[in-house]
Amino acid sequence: MKISSSADAGSALLNYTAKGCVILFALPILSTWLAGSAICAVIAPIAGLLRTFGVTGIGMQLTPSYSLPAILSLPFSLCLAFLLALSFYYTRRLLRSCIRYIRSTN
């Protein structure tokens, strides 16, 4: 890349700095969030199903003093799994756009 003026040099430096910040901060955070939301989206309905049928080791509390009734465990866990799946989908899109930005030549 041939730099012809100081404005081009400043623009290139800003571009490399921005890409470096994305690599150092956004990629690890988004990757961790992506993996965690995928795993939890799978585990949540399983835990809700187990708690509905009497496994006492699984606790679902809305507040520290209020435990969710066992009959509502499955619907609550399905709603939670849906929200986590949405989080997975949009985090994956954001991660892909970050990778495209890093790969861009400009």
PDB file of N, CA and C in Angstrom:
ATOM      1  N   MET A   1       0.850  -1.172   0.000  1.00  0.00           N
ATOM      2  CA  MET A   1       0.000   0.000   0.000  1.00  0.00           C
ATOM      3  C   MET A   1       0.889   1.225   0.000  1.00  0.00           C
ATOM      4  N   LYS A   2       0.717   2.077  -0.995  1.00  0.00           N
ATOM      5  CA  LYS A   2       1.523   3.282  -1.132  1.00  0.00           C
ATOM      6  C   LYS A   2       0.767   4.458  -0.523  1.00  0.00           C
ATOM      7  N   ILE A   3       1.413   5.150   0.421  1.00  0.00           N
ATOM      8  CA  ILE A   3       0.792   6.282   1.100  1.00  0.00           C
ATOM      9  C   ILE A   3       1.324   7.562   0.476  1.00  0.00           C
ATOM     10  N   SER A   4       0.403   8.393  -0.032  1.00  0.00           N
ATOM     11  CA  SER A   4       0.841   9.579  -0.771  1.00  0.00           C
ATOM     12  C   SER A   4       0.797  10.858   0.048  1.00  0.00           C
ATOM     13  N   SER A   5       0.049  10.912   1.125  1.00  0.00           N
ATOM     14  CA  SER A   5      -0.004  12.140   1.916  1.00  0.00           C
ATOM     15  C   SER A   5      -0.165  11.800   3.395  1.00  0.00           C
ATOM     16  N   SER A   6      -0.056  12.818   4.203  1.00  0.00           N
ATOM     17  CA  SER A   6      -0.195  12.591   5.636  1.00  0.00           C
ATOM     18  C   SER A   6      -1.640  12.265   6.014  1.00  0.00           C
ATOM     19  N   ALA A   7      -2.592  12.741   5.228  1.00  0.00           N
ATOM     20  CA  ALA A   7      -3.998  12.408   5.493  1.00  0.00           C
ATOM     21  C   ALA A   7      -4.242  10.919   5.244  1.00  0.00           C
ATOM     22  N   ASP A   8      -3.607  10.400   4.181  1.00  0.00           N
ATOM     23  CA  ASP A   8      -3.729   8.969   3.910  1.00  0.00           C
ATOM     24  C   ASP A   8      -3.059   8.156   5.007  1.00  0.00           C
ATOM     25  N   ALA A   9      -1.929   8.658   5.494  1.00  0.00           N
ATOM     26  CA  ALA A   9      -1.225   7.952   6.566  1.00  0.00           C
ATOM     27  C   ALA A   9      -2.063   7.938   7.843  1.00  0.00           C
ATOM     28  N   GLY A  10      -2.700   9.043   8.164  1.00  0.00           N
ATOM     29  CA  GLY A  10      -3.569   9.109   9.348  1.00  0.00           C
ATOM     30  C   GLY A  10      -4.764   8.206   9.207  1.00  0.00           C
ATOM     31  N   SER A  11      -5.326   8.150   8.013  1.00  0.00           N
ATOM     32  CA  SER A  11      -6.474   7.284   7.759  1.00  0.00           C
ATOM     33  C   SER A  11      -6.077   5.809   7.875  1.00  0.00           C
ATOM     34  N   ALA A  12      -4.916   5.470   7.332  1.00  0.00           N
ATOM     35  CA  ALA A  12      -4.454   4.085   7.417  1.00  0.00           C
ATOM     36  C   ALA A  12      -4.153   3.703   8.858  1.00  0.00           C
ATOM     37  N   LEU A  13      -3.534   4.619   9.606  1.00  0.00           N
ATOM     38  CA  LEU A  13      -3.239   4.342  11.011  1.00  0.00           C
ATOM     39  C   LEU A  13      -4.521   4.145  11.814  1.00  0.00           C
ATOM     40  N   LEU A  14      -5.524   4.980  11.572  1.00  0.00           N
ATOM     41  CA  LEU A  14      -6.816   4.846  12.256  1.00  0.00           C
ATOM     42  C   LEU A  14      -7.483   3.522  11.903  1.00  0.00           C
ATOM     43  N   ASN A  15      -7.388   3.132  10.628  1.00  0.00           N
ATOM     44  CA  ASN A  15      -7.988   1.871  10.195  1.00  0.00           C
ATOM     45  C   ASN A  15      -7.317   0.682  10.876  1.00  0.00           C
ATOM     46  N   TYR A  16      -5.983   0.662  10.916  1.00  0.00           N
ATOM     47  CA  TYR A  16      -5.267  -0.439  11.576  1.00  0.00           C
ATOM     48  C   TYR A  16      -5.523  -0.464  13.076  1.00  0.00           C
ATOM     49  N   THR A  17      -5.631   0.719  13.679  1.00  0.00           N
ATOM     50  CA  THR A  17      -5.922   0.780  15.110  1.00  0.00           C
ATOM     51  C   THR A  17      -7.321   0.241  15.402  1.00  0.00           C
ATOM     52  N   ALA A  18      -8.286   0.603  14.584  1.00  0.00           N
ATOM     53  CA  ALA A  18      -9.657   0.116  14.776  1.00  0.00           C
ATOM     54  C   ALA A  18      -9.719  -1.398  14.596  1.00  0.00           C
ATOM     55  N   LYS A  19      -9.030  -1.916  13.580  1.00  0.00           N
ATOM     56  CA  LYS A  19      -9.019  -3.366  13.369  1.00  0.00           C
ATOM     57  C   LYS A  19      -8.338  -4.077  14.531  1.00  0.00           C
ATOM     58  N   GLY A  20      -7.277  -3.485  15.056  1.00  0.00           N
ATOM     59  CA  GLY A  20      -6.604  -4.074  16.209  1.00  0.00           C
ATOM     60  C   GLY A  20      -7.499  -4.123  17.429  1.00  0.00           C
ATOM     61  N   CYS A  21      -8.277  -3.058  17.657  1.00  0.00           N
ATOM     62  CA  CYS A  21      -9.210  -3.047  18.797  1.00  0.00           C
ATOM     63  C   CYS A  21     -10.302  -4.097  18.624  1.00  0.00           C
ATOM     64  N   VAL A  22     -10.770  -4.270  17.407  1.00  0.00           N
ATOM     65  CA  VAL A  22     -11.784  -5.300  17.151  1.00  0.00           C
ATOM     66  C   VAL A  22     -11.199  -6.684  17.421  1.00  0.00           C
ATOM     67  N   ILE A  23      -9.962  -6.902  16.984  1.00  0.00           N
ATOM     68  CA  ILE A  23      -9.323  -8.204  17.198  1.00  0.00           C
ATOM     69  C   ILE A  23      -9.093  -8.456  18.684  1.00  0.00           C
ATOM     70  N   LEU A  24      -8.637  -7.433  19.408  1.00  0.00           N
ATOM     71  CA  LEU A  24      -8.296  -7.619  20.820  1.00  0.00           C
ATOM     72  C   LEU A  24      -9.497  -7.702  21.747  1.00  0.00           C
ATOM     73  N   PHE A  25     -10.555  -6.957  21.433  1.00  0.00           N
ATOM     74  CA  PHE A  25     -11.675  -6.865  22.368  1.00  0.00           C
ATOM     75  C   PHE A  25     -12.954  -7.520  21.851  1.00  0.00           C
ATOM     76  N   ALA A  26     -13.390  -7.163  20.667  1.00  0.00           N
ATOM     77  CA  ALA A  26     -14.696  -7.630  20.186  1.00  0.00           C
ATOM     78  C   ALA A  26     -14.709  -9.127  19.885  1.00  0.00           C
ATOM     79  N   LEU A  27     -13.686  -9.622  19.210  1.00  0.00           N
ATOM     80  CA  LEU A  27     -13.696 -11.042  18.833  1.00  0.00           C
ATOM     81  C   LEU A  27     -13.704 -11.983  20.037  1.00  0.00           C
ATOM     82  N   PRO A  28     -12.857 -11.796  21.047  1.00  0.00           N
ATOM     83  CA  PRO A  28     -12.931 -12.718  22.190  1.00  0.00           C
ATOM     84  C   PRO A  28     -14.245 -12.633  22.958  1.00  0.00           C
ATOM     85  N   ILE A  29     -14.751 -11.416  23.143  1.00  0.00           N
ATOM     86  CA  ILE A  29     -15.997 -11.247  23.891  1.00  0.00           C
ATOM     87  C   ILE A  29     -17.170 -11.852  23.127  1.00  0.00           C
ATOM     88  N   LEU A  30     -17.266 -11.549  21.838  1.00  0.00           N
ATOM     89  CA  LEU A  30     -18.372 -12.087  21.042  1.00  0.00           C
ATOM     90  C   LEU A  30     -18.282 -13.606  20.896  1.00  0.00           C
ATOM     91  N   SER A  31     -17.075 -14.125  20.765  1.00  0.00           N
ATOM     92  CA  SER A  31     -16.921 -15.580  20.640  1.00  0.00           C
ATOM     93  C   SER A  31     -17.351 -16.290  21.917  1.00  0.00           C
ATOM     94  N   THR A  32     -16.961 -15.732  23.052  1.00  0.00           N
ATOM     95  CA  THR A  32     -17.355 -16.329  24.329  1.00  0.00           C
ATOM     96  C   THR A  32     -18.861 -16.253  24.522  1.00  0.00           C
ATOM     97  N   TRP A  33     -19.441 -15.108  24.205  1.00  0.00           N
ATOM     98  CA  TRP A  33     -20.896 -14.946  24.325  1.00  0.00           C
ATOM     99  C   TRP A  33     -21.625 -15.913  23.390  1.00  0.00           C
ATOM    100  N   LEU A  34     -21.101 -16.090  22.181  1.00  0.00           N
ATOM    101  CA  LEU A  34     -21.716 -16.989  21.207  1.00  0.00           C
ATOM    102  C   LEU A  34     -21.732 -18.423  21.718  1.00  0.00           C
ATOM    103  N   ALA A  35     -20.595 -18.889  22.207  1.00  0.00           N
ATOM    104  CA  ALA A  35     -20.519 -20.259  22.714  1.00  0.00           C
ATOM    105  C   ALA A  35     -21.399 -20.443  23.951  1.00  0.00           C
ATOM    106  N   GLY A  36     -21.370 -19.469  24.856  1.00  0.00           N
ATOM    107  CA  GLY A  36     -22.177 -19.572  26.075  1.00  0.00           C
ATOM    108  C   GLY A  36     -23.661 -19.563  25.807  1.00  0.00           C
ATOM    109  N   SER A  37     -24.110 -18.705  24.897  1.00  0.00           N
ATOM    110  CA  SER A  37     -25.547 -18.664  24.614  1.00  0.00           C
ATOM    111  C   SER A  37     -26.005 -19.934  23.895  1.00  0.00           C
ATOM    112  N   ALA A  38     -25.155 -20.504  23.062  1.00  0.00           N
ATOM    113  CA  ALA A  38     -25.530 -21.752  22.389  1.00  0.00           C
ATOM    114  C   ALA A  38     -25.646 -22.896  23.387  1.00  0.00           C
ATOM    115  N   ILE A  39     -24.677 -23.004  24.275  1.00  0.00           N
ATOM    116  CA  ILE A  39     -24.711 -24.077  25.266  1.00  0.00           C
ATOM    117  C   ILE A  39     -25.899 -23.915  26.206  1.00  0.00           C
ATOM    118  N   CYS A  40     -26.139 -22.704  26.669  1.00  0.00           N
ATOM    119  CA  CYS A  40     -27.243 -22.472  27.604  1.00  0.00           C
ATOM    120  C   CYS A  40     -28.606 -22.626  26.939  1.00  0.00           C
ATOM    121  N   ALA A  41     -28.695 -22.320  25.648  1.00  0.00           N
ATOM    122  CA  ALA A  41     -29.962 -22.514  24.933  1.00  0.00           C
ATOM    123  C   ALA A  41     -30.322 -23.991  24.839  1.00  0.00           C
ATOM    124  N   VAL A  42     -29.331 -24.851  24.847  1.00  0.00           N
ATOM    125  CA  VAL A  42     -29.586 -26.295  24.817  1.00  0.00           C
ATOM    126  C   VAL A  42     -29.874 -26.817  26.227  1.00  0.00           C
ATOM    127  N   ILE A  43     -29.154 -26.303  27.220  1.00  0.00           N
ATOM    128  CA  ILE A  43     -29.285 -26.811  28.585  1.00  0.00           C
ATOM    129  C   ILE A  43     -30.587 -26.348  29.259  1.00  0.00           C
ATOM    130  N   ALA A  44     -31.046 -25.146  28.961  1.00  0.00           N
ATOM    131  CA  ALA A  44     -32.220 -24.587  29.653  1.00  0.00           C
ATOM    132  C   ALA A  44     -33.477 -25.447  29.529  1.00  0.00           C
ATOM    133  N   PRO A  45     -33.880 -25.889  28.328  1.00  0.00           N
ATOM    134  CA  PRO A  45     -35.089 -26.735  28.266  1.00  0.00           C
ATOM    135  C   PRO A  45     -34.910 -28.086  28.956  1.00  0.00           C
ATOM    136  N   ILE A  46     -33.693 -28.615  28.909  1.00  0.00           N
ATOM    137  CA  ILE A  46     -33.442 -29.896  29.588  1.00  0.00           C
ATOM    138  C   ILE A  46     -33.619 -29.722  31.094  1.00  0.00           C
ATOM    139  N   ALA A  47     -33.065 -28.632  31.627  1.00  0.00           N
ATOM    140  CA  ALA A  47     -33.211 -28.368  33.063  1.00  0.00           C
ATOM    141  C   ALA A  47     -34.662 -28.109  33.436  1.00  0.00           C
ATOM    142  N   GLY A  48     -35.401 -27.384  32.594  1.00  0.00           N
ATOM    143  CA  GLY A  48     -36.814 -27.144  32.861  1.00  0.00           C
ATOM    144  C   GLY A  48     -37.631 -28.422  32.854  1.00  0.00           C
ATOM    145  N   LEU A  49     -37.316 -29.302  31.935  1.00  0.00           N
ATOM    146  CA  LEU A  49     -38.016 -30.582  31.864  1.00  0.00           C
ATOM    147  C   LEU A  49     -37.711 -31.445  33.087  1.00  0.00           C
ATOM    148  N   LEU A  50     -36.447 -31.491  33.471  1.00  0.00           N
ATOM    149  CA  LEU A  50     -36.081 -32.271  34.651  1.00  0.00           C
ATOM    150  C   LEU A  50     -36.719 -31.715  35.914  1.00  0.00           C
ATOM    151  N   ARG A  51     -36.743 -30.393  36.044  1.00  0.00           N
ATOM    152  CA  ARG A  51     -37.331 -29.792  37.252  1.00  0.00           C
ATOM    153  C   ARG A  51     -38.846 -29.998  37.287  1.00  0.00           C
ATOM    154  N   THR A  52     -39.478 -29.976  36.120  1.00  0.00           N
ATOM    155  CA  THR A  52     -40.917 -30.201  36.067  1.00  0.00           C
ATOM    156  C   THR A  52     -41.274 -31.593  36.582  1.00  0.00           C
ATOM    157  N   PHE A  53     -40.427 -32.561  36.317  1.00  0.00           N
ATOM    158  CA  PHE A  53     -40.715 -33.932  36.724  1.00  0.00           C
ATOM    159  C   PHE A  53     -40.039 -34.327  38.025  1.00  0.00           C
ATOM    160  N   GLY A  54     -39.644 -33.344  38.844  1.00  0.00           N
ATOM    161  CA  GLY A  54     -39.293 -33.644  40.215  1.00  0.00           C
ATOM    162  C   GLY A  54     -37.837 -33.678  40.613  1.00  0.00           C
ATOM    163  N   VAL A  55     -36.916 -33.309  39.753  1.00  0.00           N
ATOM    164  CA  VAL A  55     -35.515 -33.266  40.164  1.00  0.00           C
ATOM    165  C   VAL A  55     -35.339 -32.040  41.053  1.00  0.00           C
ATOM    166  N   THR A  56     -34.970 -32.261  42.287  1.00  0.00           N
ATOM    167  CA  THR A  56     -34.906 -31.151  43.256  1.00  0.00           C
ATOM    168  C   THR A  56     -33.579 -30.408  43.214  1.00  0.00           C
ATOM    169  N   GLY A  57     -32.586 -30.934  42.551  1.00  0.00           N
ATOM    170  CA  GLY A  57     -31.281 -30.283  42.514  1.00  0.00           C
ATOM    171  C   GLY A  57     -31.226 -29.080  41.596  1.00  0.00           C
ATOM    172  N   ILE A  58     -32.246 -28.872  40.791  1.00  0.00           N
ATOM    173  CA  ILE A  58     -32.272 -27.753  39.851  1.00  0.00           C
ATOM    174  C   ILE A  58     -33.147 -26.658  40.454  1.00  0.00           C
ATOM    175  N   GLY A  59     -32.560 -25.513  40.656  1.00  0.00           N
ATOM    176  CA  GLY A  59     -33.298 -24.396  41.238  1.00  0.00           C
ATOM    177  C   GLY A  59     -33.568 -23.314  40.217  1.00  0.00           C
ATOM    178  N   MET A  60     -34.786 -22.818  40.189  1.00  0.00           N
ATOM    179  CA  MET A  60     -35.147 -21.695  39.326  1.00  0.00           C
ATOM    180  C   MET A  60     -35.819 -20.655  40.200  1.00  0.00           C
ATOM    181  N   GLN A  61     -35.133 -19.557  40.390  1.00  0.00           N
ATOM    182  CA  GLN A  61     -35.644 -18.501  41.254  1.00  0.00           C
ATOM    183  C   GLN A  61     -35.738 -17.206  40.476  1.00  0.00           C
ATOM    184  N   LEU A  62     -36.853 -16.497  40.665  1.00  0.00           N
ATOM    185  CA  LEU A  62     -37.001 -15.187  40.055  1.00  0.00           C
ATOM    186  C   LEU A  62     -36.307 -14.118  40.883  1.00  0.00           C
ATOM    187  N   THR A  63     -36.376 -14.258  42.192  1.00  0.00           N
ATOM    188  CA  THR A  63     -35.667 -13.391  43.130  1.00  0.00           C
ATOM    189  C   THR A  63     -35.036 -14.302  44.183  1.00  0.00           C
ATOM    190  N   PRO A  64     -34.153 -13.781  45.013  1.00  0.00           N
ATOM    191  CA  PRO A  64     -33.558 -14.654  46.030  1.00  0.00           C
ATOM    192  C   PRO A  64     -34.572 -15.262  47.006  1.00  0.00           C
ATOM    193  N   SER A  65     -35.722 -14.622  47.151  1.00  0.00           N
ATOM    194  CA  SER A  65     -36.700 -15.144  48.102  1.00  0.00           C
ATOM    195  C   SER A  65     -37.896 -15.840  47.441  1.00  0.00           C
ATOM    196  N   TYR A  66     -38.002 -15.821  46.109  1.00  0.00           N
ATOM    197  CA  TYR A  66     -39.157 -16.412  45.432  1.00  0.00           C
ATOM    198  C   TYR A  66     -38.687 -17.457  44.418  1.00  0.00           C
ATOM    199  N   SER A  67     -39.045 -18.700  44.667  1.00  0.00           N
ATOM    200  CA  SER A  67     -38.728 -19.784  43.754  1.00  0.00           C
ATOM    201  C   SER A  67     -39.891 -19.983  42.780  1.00  0.00           C
ATOM    202  N   LEU A  68     -39.572 -20.246  41.552  1.00  0.00           N
ATOM    203  CA  LEU A  68     -40.569 -20.476  40.519  1.00  0.00           C
ATOM    204  C   LEU A  68     -41.295 -21.792  40.792  1.00  0.00           C
ATOM    205  N   PRO A  69     -42.623 -21.836  40.682  1.00  0.00           N
ATOM    206  CA  PRO A  69     -43.331 -23.109  40.870  1.00  0.00           C
ATOM    207  C   PRO A  69     -42.869 -24.146  39.840  1.00  0.00           C
ATOM    208  N   ALA A  70     -42.835 -25.393  40.257  1.00  0.00           N
ATOM    209  CA  ALA A  70     -42.312 -26.461  39.395  1.00  0.00           C
ATOM    210  C   ALA A  70     -43.110 -26.616  38.107  1.00  0.00           C
ATOM    211  N   ILE A  71     -44.406 -26.328  38.151  1.00  0.00           N
ATOM    212  CA  ILE A  71     -45.247 -26.490  36.969  1.00  0.00           C
ATOM    213  C   ILE A  71     -44.892 -25.463  35.881  1.00  0.00           C
ATOM    214  N   LEU A  72     -44.312 -24.315  36.295  1.00  0.00           N
ATOM    215  CA  LEU A  72     -43.938 -23.274  35.333  1.00  0.00           C
ATOM    216  C   LEU A  72     -42.486 -23.395  34.867  1.00  0.00           C
ATOM    217  N   SER A  73     -41.795 -24.400  35.298  1.00  0.00           N
ATOM    218  CA  SER A  73     -40.379 -24.543  34.952  1.00  0.00           C
ATOM    219  C   SER A  73     -40.165 -24.757  33.457  1.00  0.00           C
ATOM    220  N   LEU A  74     -40.945 -25.618  32.855  1.00  0.00           N
ATOM    221  CA  LEU A  74     -40.768 -25.890  31.432  1.00  0.00           C
ATOM    222  C   LEU A  74     -41.115 -24.681  30.564  1.00  0.00           C
ATOM    223  N   PRO A  75     -42.270 -24.012  30.754  1.00  0.00           N
ATOM    224  CA  PRO A  75     -42.535 -22.827  29.933  1.00  0.00           C
ATOM    225  C   PRO A  75     -41.500 -21.715  30.136  1.00  0.00           C
ATOM    226  N   PHE A  76     -41.072 -21.520  31.372  1.00  0.00           N
ATOM    227  CA  PHE A  76     -40.072 -20.493  31.647  1.00  0.00           C
ATOM    228  C   PHE A  76     -38.744 -20.837  30.974  1.00  0.00           C
ATOM    229  N   SER A  77     -38.350 -22.092  31.033  1.00  0.00           N
ATOM    230  CA  SER A  77     -37.088 -22.484  30.422  1.00  0.00           C
ATOM    231  C   SER A  77     -37.149 -22.436  28.895  1.00  0.00           C
ATOM    232  N   LEU A  78     -38.317 -22.709  28.319  1.00  0.00           N
ATOM    233  CA  LEU A  78     -38.464 -22.588  26.870  1.00  0.00           C
ATOM    234  C   LEU A  78     -38.379 -21.136  26.415  1.00  0.00           C
ATOM    235  N   CYS A  79     -38.959 -20.230  27.196  1.00  0.00           N
ATOM    236  CA  CYS A  79     -38.831 -18.794  26.883  1.00  0.00           C
ATOM    237  C   CYS A  79     -37.382 -18.342  26.999  1.00  0.00           C
ATOM    238  N   LEU A  80     -36.711 -18.802  28.031  1.00  0.00           N
ATOM    239  CA  LEU A  80     -35.300 -18.471  28.213  1.00  0.00           C
ATOM    240  C   LEU A  80     -34.455 -19.038  27.072  1.00  0.00           C
ATOM    241  N   ALA A  81     -34.728 -20.252  26.662  1.00  0.00           N
ATOM    242  CA  ALA A  81     -33.989 -20.862  25.553  1.00  0.00           C
ATOM    243  C   ALA A  81     -34.228 -20.109  24.251  1.00  0.00           C
ATOM    244  N   PHE A  82     -35.440 -19.630  24.045  1.00  0.00           N
ATOM    245  CA  PHE A  82     -35.737 -18.840  22.851  1.00  0.00           C
ATOM    246  C   PHE A  82     -34.946 -17.535  22.853  1.00  0.00           C
ATOM    247  N   LEU A  83     -34.902 -16.853  23.992  1.00  0.00           N
ATOM    248  CA  LEU A  83     -34.127 -15.612  24.088  1.00  0.00           C
ATOM    249  C   LEU A  83     -32.634 -15.877  23.882  1.00  0.00           C
ATOM    250  N   LEU A  84     -32.148 -16.969  24.411  1.00  0.00           N
ATOM    251  CA  LEU A  84     -30.747 -17.306  24.216  1.00  0.00           C
ATOM    252  C   LEU A  84     -30.462 -17.681  22.763  1.00  0.00           C
ATOM    253  N   ALA A  85     -31.388 -18.327  22.092  1.00  0.00           N
ATOM    254  CA  ALA A  85     -31.215 -18.650  20.679  1.00  0.00           C
ATOM    255  C   ALA A  85     -31.206 -17.372  19.830  1.00  0.00           C
ATOM    256  N   LEU A  86     -32.048 -16.415  20.183  1.00  0.00           N
ATOM    257  CA  LEU A  86     -32.008 -15.118  19.498  1.00  0.00           C
ATOM    258  C   LEU A  86     -30.669 -14.422  19.730  1.00  0.00           C
ATOM    259  N   SER A  87     -30.194 -14.482  20.946  1.00  0.00           N
ATOM    260  CA  SER A  87     -28.896 -13.908  21.264  1.00  0.00           C
ATOM    261  C   SER A  87     -27.795 -14.583  20.449  1.00  0.00           C
ATOM    262  N   PHE A  88     -27.853 -15.890  20.329  1.00  0.00           N
ATOM    263  CA  PHE A  88     -26.884 -16.630  19.523  1.00  0.00           C
ATOM    264  C   PHE A  88     -26.924 -16.169  18.071  1.00  0.00           C
ATOM    265  N   TYR A  89     -28.121 -16.041  17.519  1.00  0.00           N
ATOM    266  CA  TYR A  89     -28.276 -15.676  16.111  1.00  0.00           C
ATOM    267  C   TYR A  89     -27.694 -14.289  15.838  1.00  0.00           C
ATOM    268  N   TYR A  90     -28.065 -13.298  16.650  1.00  0.00           N
ATOM    269  CA  TYR A  90     -27.607 -11.940  16.394  1.00  0.00           C
ATOM    270  C   TYR A  90     -26.140 -11.745  16.758  1.00  0.00           C
ATOM    271  N   THR A  91     -25.638 -12.469  17.735  1.00  0.00           N
ATOM    272  CA  THR A  91     -24.216 -12.401  18.053  1.00  0.00           C
ATOM    273  C   THR A  91     -23.406 -13.017  16.917  1.00  0.00           C
ATOM    274  N   ARG A  92     -23.909 -14.073  16.349  1.00  0.00           N
ATOM    275  CA  ARG A  92     -23.227 -14.704  15.213  1.00  0.00           C
ATOM    276  C   ARG A  92     -23.168 -13.758  14.018  1.00  0.00           C
ATOM    277  N   ARG A  93     -24.244 -13.044  13.762  1.00  0.00           N
ATOM    278  CA  ARG A  93     -24.243 -12.058  12.682  1.00  0.00           C
ATOM    279  C   ARG A  93     -23.243 -10.942  12.942  1.00  0.00           C
ATOM    280  N   LEU A  94     -23.198 -10.460  14.186  1.00  0.00           N
ATOM    281  CA  LEU A  94     -22.260  -9.406  14.539  1.00  0.00           C
ATOM    282  C   LEU A  94     -20.816  -9.892  14.442  1.00  0.00           C
ATOM    283  N   LEU A  95     -20.567 -11.106  14.856  1.00  0.00           N
ATOM    284  CA  LEU A  95     -19.227 -11.674  14.777  1.00  0.00           C
ATOM    285  C   LEU A  95     -18.789 -11.821  13.319  1.00  0.00           C
ATOM    286  N   ARG A  96     -19.687 -12.251  12.478  1.00  0.00           N
ATOM    287  CA  ARG A  96     -19.366 -12.361  11.049  1.00  0.00           C
ATOM    288  C   ARG A  96     -19.056 -10.993  10.447  1.00  0.00           C
ATOM    289  N   SER A  97     -19.809  -9.969  10.821  1.00  0.00           N
ATOM    290  CA  SER A  97     -19.528  -8.637  10.283  1.00  0.00           C
ATOM    291  C   SER A  97     -18.194  -8.101  10.802  1.00  0.00           C
ATOM    292  N   CYS A  98     -17.821  -8.436  12.027  1.00  0.00           N
ATOM    293  CA  CYS A  98     -16.511  -8.045  12.549  1.00  0.00           C
ATOM    294  C   CYS A  98     -15.396  -8.732  11.768  1.00  0.00           C
ATOM    295  N   ILE A  99     -15.569  -9.986  11.453  1.00  0.00           N
ATOM    296  CA  ILE A  99     -14.553 -10.717  10.694  1.00  0.00           C
ATOM    297  C   ILE A  99     -14.448 -10.172   9.271  1.00  0.00           C
ATOM    298  N   ARG A 100     -15.592  -9.825   8.672  1.00  0.00           N
ATOM    299  CA  ARG A 100     -15.546  -9.206   7.346  1.00  0.00           C
ATOM    300  C   ARG A 100     -14.816  -7.867   7.387  1.00  0.00           C
ATOM    301  N   TYR A 101     -15.031  -7.097   8.444  1.00  0.00           N
ATOM    302  CA  TYR A 101     -14.350  -5.807   8.595  1.00  0.00           C
ATOM    303  C   TYR A 101     -12.846  -5.999   8.736  1.00  0.00           C
ATOM    304  N   ILE A 102     -12.421  -7.015   9.459  1.00  0.00           N
ATOM    305  CA  ILE A 102     -10.998  -7.270   9.637  1.00  0.00           C
ATOM    306  C   ILE A 102     -10.365  -7.715   8.315  1.00  0.00           C
ATOM    307  N   ARG A 103     -11.075  -8.510   7.549  1.00  0.00           N
ATOM    308  CA  ARG A 103     -10.544  -9.006   6.292  1.00  0.00           C
ATOM    309  C   ARG A 103     -10.540  -7.959   5.185  1.00  0.00           C
ATOM    310  N   SER A 104     -11.300  -6.887   5.339  1.00  0.00           N
ATOM    311  CA  SER A 104     -11.373  -5.867   4.281  1.00  0.00           C
ATOM    312  C   SER A 104     -10.005  -5.223   4.085  1.00  0.00           C
ATOM    313  N   THR A 105      -9.728  -4.831   2.862  1.00  0.00           N
ATOM    314  CA  THR A 105      -8.411  -4.277   2.524  1.00  0.00           C
ATOM    315  C   THR A 105      -8.341  -2.772   2.763  1.00  0.00           C
ATOM    316  N   ASN A 106      -9.441  -2.123   2.881  1.00  0.00           N
ATOM    317  CA  ASN A 106      -9.426  -0.655   3.066  1.00  0.00           C
ATOM    318  C   ASN A 106      -9.105  -0.281   4.475  1.00  0.00           C
TER     319      ASN A 106
END
